[in-house]
Protein backbone atom coordinates (compact mmCIF):
# COMPACT_ATOMS: atom_id res chain seq x y z
CA UNK A 1 76.54 117.85 110.45
CA UNK A 2 78.46 120.05 112.87
CA UNK A 3 79.40 117.02 114.97
CA UNK A 4 80.44 115.13 111.84
CA UNK A 5 82.61 118.04 110.71
CA UNK A 6 84.31 118.15 114.11
CA UNK A 7 85.29 114.48 114.11
CA UNK A 8 86.27 114.68 110.43
CA UNK A 9 88.62 117.68 110.73
CA UNK A 10 86.17 119.79 108.67
CA UNK A 11 86.88 117.71 105.57
CA UNK A 12 83.49 118.53 104.04
CA UNK A 13 84.15 122.26 104.16
CA UNK A 14 87.66 121.72 102.82
CA UNK A 15 86.50 119.66 99.82
CA UNK A 16 84.12 122.46 98.85
CA UNK A 17 87.12 124.80 98.51
CA UNK A 18 89.06 122.58 96.09
CA UNK A 19 89.52 123.70 92.50
CA UNK A 20 87.27 121.99 89.97
CA UNK A 21 85.08 120.23 92.53
CA UNK A 22 81.47 120.12 91.37
CA UNK A 23 79.13 117.79 93.26
CA UNK A 24 79.66 117.08 96.95
CA UNK A 25 76.99 114.78 98.33
CA UNK A 26 76.78 113.73 101.95
CA UNK A 27 73.92 111.85 103.56
CA UNK A 28 73.14 113.26 107.04
CA UNK A 29 72.58 110.52 109.58
CA UNK A 30 71.40 110.47 113.15
CA UNK A 31 73.59 108.80 115.79
CA UNK A 32 73.10 105.14 116.53
CA UNK A 33 71.55 104.49 119.92
CA UNK A 34 73.25 102.65 122.76
CA UNK A 35 70.44 100.09 122.60
CA UNK A 36 71.29 99.42 118.94
CA UNK A 37 74.98 99.02 119.73
CA UNK A 38 74.30 96.72 122.68
CA UNK A 39 72.08 94.59 120.45
CA UNK A 40 74.81 94.46 117.79
CA UNK A 41 77.38 93.31 120.36
CA UNK A 42 75.02 90.64 121.64
CA UNK A 43 74.30 89.36 118.14
CA UNK A 44 77.95 89.22 117.04
CA UNK A 45 79.65 87.71 120.10
CA UNK A 46 82.53 87.17 120.71
CA UNK A 47 83.22 90.27 118.56
CA UNK A 48 82.19 93.63 119.97
CA UNK A 49 82.47 97.22 118.78
CA UNK A 50 85.77 98.74 119.95
CA UNK A 51 85.51 102.01 121.86
CA UNK A 52 86.64 104.25 118.99
CA UNK A 53 84.17 102.72 116.53
CA UNK A 54 81.35 102.94 119.08
CA UNK A 55 82.24 106.60 119.64
CA UNK A 56 81.94 107.19 115.88
CA UNK A 57 78.46 105.66 115.84
CA UNK A 58 77.55 107.86 118.78
CA UNK A 59 78.02 110.81 116.41
CA UNK A 60 76.71 109.44 113.13
CA UNK A 61 75.29 106.08 112.08
CA UNK A 62 77.76 105.52 109.27
CA UNK A 63 79.14 107.79 106.57
CA UNK A 64 78.37 108.31 102.90
CA UNK A 65 80.22 111.19 101.25
CA UNK A 66 81.05 111.41 97.55
CA UNK A 67 82.56 114.21 95.52
CA UNK A 68 83.16 114.84 91.85
CA UNK A 69 85.48 117.02 89.84
CA UNK A 70 85.54 118.38 86.32
CA UNK A 71 87.47 116.48 83.68
CA UNK A 72 87.88 116.95 79.94
CA UNK A 73 84.95 114.67 79.28
CA UNK A 74 82.52 115.14 82.15
CA UNK A 75 82.21 115.36 85.90
CA UNK A 76 83.56 112.14 87.39
CA UNK A 77 83.56 110.73 90.88
CA UNK A 78 86.94 111.35 92.48
CA UNK A 79 86.41 110.64 96.16
CA UNK A 80 84.24 108.34 98.25
CA UNK A 81 84.33 108.32 102.04
CA UNK A 82 82.23 105.53 103.43
CA UNK A 83 81.55 103.65 106.65
CA UNK A 84 78.61 101.28 106.78
CA UNK A 85 75.60 102.00 108.95
CA UNK A 86 75.44 99.89 112.09
CA UNK A 87 72.59 97.75 110.74
CA UNK A 88 74.71 96.92 107.67
CA UNK A 89 77.84 95.92 109.60
CA UNK A 90 78.47 92.26 109.03
CA UNK A 91 81.16 89.82 110.09
CA UNK A 92 82.66 86.97 108.15
CA UNK A 93 85.36 84.42 108.75
CA UNK A 94 88.63 84.98 106.91
CA UNK A 95 90.05 81.79 105.36
CA UNK A 96 93.52 81.20 106.76
CA UNK A 97 96.02 81.47 103.88
CA UNK A 98 97.77 78.31 105.08
CA UNK A 99 100.97 79.32 103.30
CA UNK A 100 103.08 82.44 103.65
CA UNK A 101 104.18 82.24 100.02
CA UNK A 102 102.14 85.25 98.89
CA UNK A 103 103.25 87.24 101.92
CA UNK A 104 106.91 86.47 101.34
CA UNK A 105 106.53 87.42 97.67
CA UNK A 106 105.05 90.74 98.70
CA UNK A 107 107.96 91.41 101.04
CA UNK A 108 110.47 90.55 98.33
CA UNK A 109 108.74 92.80 95.81
CA UNK A 110 109.30 95.86 97.99
CA UNK A 111 112.24 94.55 99.98
CA UNK A 112 113.75 96.99 102.45
CA UNK A 113 110.93 99.53 102.46
CA UNK A 114 108.89 100.60 105.45
CA UNK A 115 105.87 98.89 103.88
CA UNK A 116 107.78 95.61 103.67
CA UNK A 117 108.61 95.87 107.36
CA UNK A 118 104.93 96.32 108.21
CA UNK A 119 103.97 93.31 106.08
CA UNK A 120 106.59 91.27 107.91
CA UNK A 121 105.32 92.39 111.31
CA UNK A 122 101.58 92.00 110.64
CA UNK A 123 100.09 88.68 109.62
CA UNK A 124 96.47 87.62 109.60
CA UNK A 125 95.57 85.58 112.70
CA UNK A 126 95.12 81.85 112.18
CA UNK A 127 91.48 82.34 113.13
CA UNK A 128 90.37 85.75 111.91
CA UNK A 129 86.96 87.38 111.72
CA UNK A 130 86.46 90.40 109.46
CA UNK A 131 84.02 93.19 110.30
CA UNK A 132 83.37 94.82 106.91
CA UNK A 133 83.45 98.60 107.36
CA UNK A 134 83.20 99.53 103.70
CA UNK A 135 82.90 97.82 100.33
CA UNK A 136 83.49 99.38 96.92
CA UNK A 137 83.25 97.01 93.93
CA UNK A 138 85.81 99.09 92.02
CA UNK A 139 88.34 99.15 94.86
CA UNK A 140 87.86 96.39 97.43
CA UNK A 141 86.87 95.98 101.07
CA UNK A 142 88.04 97.57 104.29
CA UNK A 143 87.58 95.51 107.43
CA UNK A 144 88.32 95.55 111.12
CA UNK A 145 90.01 92.21 111.77
CA UNK A 146 89.45 90.32 115.01
CA UNK A 147 91.70 87.57 116.31
CA UNK A 148 89.20 84.91 117.33
CA UNK A 149 91.73 82.21 118.22
CA UNK A 150 91.33 82.85 121.96
CA UNK A 151 88.16 81.26 123.29
CA UNK A 152 87.90 83.89 126.03
CA UNK A 153 87.06 86.59 123.46
CA UNK A 154 87.99 88.20 120.16
CA UNK A 155 90.60 90.97 120.12
CA UNK A 156 91.10 93.66 117.48
CA UNK A 157 93.99 92.92 115.13
CA UNK A 158 93.85 96.19 113.19
CA UNK A 159 92.18 97.49 110.04
CA UNK A 160 92.99 95.59 106.86
CA UNK A 161 92.26 96.10 103.17
CA UNK A 162 91.19 93.28 100.82
CA UNK A 163 92.03 94.18 97.24
CA UNK A 164 90.22 93.02 94.11
CA UNK A 165 92.46 89.94 93.97
CA UNK A 166 91.19 89.08 97.48
CA UNK A 167 94.60 89.60 99.06
CA UNK A 168 94.62 91.12 102.54
CA UNK A 169 96.88 94.06 103.45
CA UNK A 170 97.43 95.62 106.88
CA UNK A 171 96.58 99.32 107.01
CA UNK A 172 96.13 100.70 110.51
CA UNK A 173 96.23 99.79 114.19
CA UNK A 174 92.60 100.67 114.88
CA UNK A 175 89.50 102.36 113.48
CA UNK A 176 90.57 105.86 114.55
CA UNK A 177 93.86 105.57 112.66
CA UNK A 178 92.10 104.27 109.56
CA UNK A 179 89.50 107.05 109.73
CA UNK A 180 92.24 109.69 109.84
CA UNK A 181 93.94 108.05 106.86
CA UNK A 182 90.69 108.14 104.90
CA UNK A 183 90.22 111.81 105.72
CA UNK A 184 93.75 112.94 104.78
CA UNK A 185 93.41 111.03 101.48
CA UNK A 186 90.05 112.79 100.91
CA UNK A 187 88.62 109.37 100.05
CA UNK A 188 90.21 109.53 96.58
CA UNK A 189 89.24 106.32 94.86
CA UNK A 190 91.90 103.65 95.21
CA UNK A 191 93.94 105.43 97.88
CA UNK A 192 94.07 102.21 99.90
CA UNK A 193 96.43 100.71 97.33
CA UNK A 194 99.17 102.98 98.66
CA UNK A 195 99.38 100.36 101.43
CA UNK A 196 99.82 97.38 99.10
CA UNK A 197 102.83 96.08 97.15
CA UNK A 198 101.00 96.93 93.88
CA UNK A 199 100.84 100.59 94.79
CA UNK A 200 98.54 103.30 93.45
CA UNK A 201 97.12 103.14 89.95
CA UNK A 202 97.78 106.02 87.49
CA UNK A 203 94.36 107.62 87.94
CA UNK A 204 94.64 107.70 91.73
CA UNK A 205 98.11 109.22 91.39
CA UNK A 206 96.72 111.85 89.03
CA UNK A 207 94.05 113.00 91.45
CA UNK A 208 96.32 112.84 94.47
CA UNK A 209 98.96 114.90 92.63
CA UNK A 210 96.30 117.53 91.95
CA UNK A 211 94.55 117.65 95.32
CA UNK A 212 96.89 116.20 97.96
CA UNK A 213 100.46 116.29 96.56
CA UNK A 214 102.01 116.34 100.04
CA UNK A 215 100.21 113.13 100.96
CA UNK A 216 101.25 111.48 97.70
CA UNK A 217 104.85 112.37 98.47
CA UNK A 218 104.52 110.96 101.99
CA UNK A 219 103.01 107.70 100.72
CA UNK A 220 105.86 107.32 98.24
CA UNK A 221 108.41 107.96 100.99
CA UNK A 222 106.62 105.43 103.19
CA UNK A 223 107.21 102.78 100.51
CA UNK A 224 110.81 103.77 99.72
CA UNK A 225 112.14 105.00 103.05
CA UNK A 226 115.07 102.62 103.02
CA UNK A 227 116.34 104.02 99.74
CA UNK A 228 116.92 107.35 101.48
CA UNK A 229 118.74 105.68 104.40
CA UNK A 230 121.02 103.66 102.12
């Protein structure tokens, strides 16, 4: 747990200090072995674990951390921080959208914002493979996307989020960047929607306003940066 706390910026200790937090549950896990990672790479060629993800598994074989807080009715789950264990990591082909209509609509919906610029700059590869890092039936899936169009090998195309409407949204350049984002959002349910045109739902905003107001403000500025410039 000490090693986990070090790579997670002591998030577990910090969550324990938050007002109204009741149940914090984390499943301790041993590191994955190099033999296990080598076997995973062999089985999933041409995809292979990037260095930062392999380094994570060298510390802990996945992550399962949930925390609850008091509400007027009962204690409810507020945050979930999860990364699948190595044995549960699976890859799947991502159907090529074929048309950029949905992408262009997303850009138009938030035209001029920093998020719109990122959507414009990042498109799914024509031949993409998704490595599912986490799945929550109430939120969606987070995946490391590989560009498999080059026969010489698959290259990492960033971490993407698939929402409940099965639309893909770019989130981060690599696993390390995504992991830091998950930590600073304390895993609050639905935080990934801050990186979609739909934006955060009211409940996510409520909890973020209570526990991480500075991050909520930053996410809002990220979406509306151009309004400040103009």
